[in-house]
Amino acid sequence: MHALASKNCRPLPKGNPALAAADVTAMLREFEGWNLDNGAITKTFSFPDYQQTLAFVNAVAWIATRQDHHPDLLVQFDRCRVSYVTHSVGGISENDFISAARIEGLFA
């Protein structure tokens, strides 16, 4: 499990800086399957059926609620695309990677 999974998201009001592009690129190397797409970190998770896809969506929703950091989700029959960006900082923050690590922890 990634070390960031043990951290918690923190409030980032407007005015806090986003991570530098080089930092985002470096951190993405630690997250298999996650990519930078249109200013967000994203990953598509695949499942054998709709019921398992929805179970994943509910687990992600639970994590998001507990961390008060919510992704955009694109839900389809056998997959879910998760996208994180911290709107208050206008880019990617550590909170996005903490959330990604916690989601990856679902499969550990």
Protein backbone atom coordinates (compact mmCIF):
# COMPACT_ATOMS: atom_id res chain seq x y z
CA MET A 1 0.00 0.00 0.00
CA HIS A 2 1.27 3.47 -0.84
CA ALA A 3 2.49 5.59 2.10
CA LEU A 4 0.05 8.39 1.22
CA ALA A 5 -2.86 6.07 2.02
CA SER A 6 -2.19 6.63 5.72
CA LYS A 7 -2.49 10.41 5.39
CA ASN A 8 -5.70 12.44 5.46
CA CYS A 9 -6.77 15.17 3.09
CA ARG A 10 -6.59 18.67 4.51
CA PRO A 11 -8.60 21.76 3.66
CA LEU A 12 -6.98 23.77 0.87
CA PRO A 13 -8.72 27.13 0.58
CA LYS A 14 -8.30 29.31 -2.48
CA GLY A 15 -4.83 30.79 -2.64
CA ASN A 16 -2.99 27.57 -1.80
CA PRO A 17 -0.67 26.57 -4.63
CA ALA A 18 -1.20 23.52 -6.80
CA LEU A 19 1.64 21.04 -7.14
CA ALA A 20 4.25 21.91 -9.75
CA ALA A 21 4.00 19.95 -13.00
CA ALA A 22 7.32 18.20 -12.28
CA ASP A 23 6.01 17.07 -8.88
CA VAL A 24 2.80 15.73 -10.41
CA THR A 25 4.79 13.82 -13.03
CA ALA A 26 7.09 12.35 -10.38
CA MET A 27 4.20 11.32 -8.13
CA LEU A 28 2.28 9.74 -11.01
CA ARG A 29 5.19 7.32 -11.51
CA GLU A 30 4.28 5.84 -8.12
CA PHE A 31 0.66 5.16 -9.13
CA GLU A 32 0.24 2.41 -11.68
CA GLY A 33 -2.45 3.15 -14.24
CA TRP A 34 -3.03 6.77 -13.15
CA ASN A 35 -2.48 9.44 -15.79
CA LEU A 36 -2.69 13.17 -16.19
CA ASP A 37 -5.66 13.97 -18.40
CA ASN A 38 -7.08 17.43 -18.98
CA GLY A 39 -5.64 18.79 -15.74
CA ALA A 40 -6.74 15.91 -13.50
CA ILE A 41 -5.24 12.63 -12.40
CA THR A 42 -7.39 9.80 -13.72
CA LYS A 43 -7.65 6.04 -13.79
CA THR A 44 -10.23 3.66 -15.22
CA PHE A 45 -11.02 0.61 -13.13
CA SER A 46 -12.59 -2.45 -14.80
CA PHE A 47 -14.93 -5.00 -13.24
CA PRO A 48 -16.65 -8.20 -14.36
CA ASP A 49 -20.17 -6.84 -13.97
CA TYR A 50 -22.34 -3.88 -13.06
CA GLN A 51 -22.88 -4.95 -9.46
CA GLN A 52 -19.13 -4.96 -8.75
CA THR A 53 -18.75 -1.63 -10.52
CA LEU A 54 -21.40 -0.13 -8.23
CA ALA A 55 -19.78 -1.66 -5.16
CA PHE A 56 -16.55 0.11 -6.17
CA VAL A 57 -18.41 3.39 -6.73
CA ASN A 58 -19.93 3.13 -3.26
CA ALA A 59 -16.51 2.43 -1.71
CA VAL A 60 -15.05 5.46 -3.51
CA ALA A 61 -17.99 7.58 -2.32
CA TRP A 62 -17.35 6.47 1.26
CA ILE A 63 -13.65 7.38 1.01
CA ALA A 64 -14.52 10.72 -0.61
CA THR A 65 -17.01 11.58 2.13
CA ARG A 66 -14.60 10.64 4.92
CA GLN A 67 -11.82 12.69 3.33
CA ASP A 68 -14.08 15.54 2.18
CA HIS A 69 -12.38 15.32 -1.22
CA HIS A 70 -14.64 14.20 -4.04
CA PRO A 71 -13.72 12.87 -7.48
CA ASP A 72 -15.56 13.04 -10.74
CA LEU A 73 -16.80 9.56 -11.60
CA LEU A 74 -17.84 8.22 -14.98
CA VAL A 75 -19.73 5.00 -14.31
CA GLN A 76 -20.36 2.44 -17.03
CA PHE A 77 -21.53 -1.17 -16.94
CA ASP A 78 -18.14 -2.77 -16.29
CA ARG A 79 -15.85 0.16 -15.49
CA CYS A 80 -15.52 3.41 -13.63
CA ARG A 81 -13.25 6.32 -14.51
CA VAL A 82 -12.07 8.26 -11.45
CA SER A 83 -10.74 11.81 -11.89
CA TYR A 84 -9.25 14.02 -9.19
CA VAL A 85 -8.39 17.70 -9.30
CA THR A 86 -8.42 20.20 -6.46
CA HIS A 87 -10.60 23.01 -7.76
CA SER A 88 -9.76 25.39 -4.90
CA VAL A 89 -6.07 25.44 -5.91
CA GLY A 90 -6.73 25.30 -9.62
CA GLY A 91 -4.79 22.09 -10.20
CA ILE A 92 -3.46 18.92 -8.65
CA SER A 93 -2.73 18.80 -4.91
CA GLU A 94 -1.44 16.22 -2.48
CA ASN A 95 -5.10 15.57 -1.56
CA ASP A 96 -5.63 14.10 -5.02
CA PHE A 97 -2.79 11.65 -4.53
CA ILE A 98 -3.90 10.79 -0.98
CA SER A 99 -7.34 9.95 -2.37
CA ALA A 100 -5.85 7.92 -5.23
CA ALA A 101 -3.71 5.97 -2.73
CA ARG A 102 -6.74 5.23 -0.59
CA ILE A 103 -8.64 3.95 -3.64
CA GLU A 104 -5.68 1.76 -4.60
CA GLY A 105 -5.80 0.42 -1.06
CA LEU A 106 -9.18 -1.11 -1.83
CA PHE A 107 -7.34 -3.64 -4.00
CA ALA A 108 -4.43 -4.36 -1.63
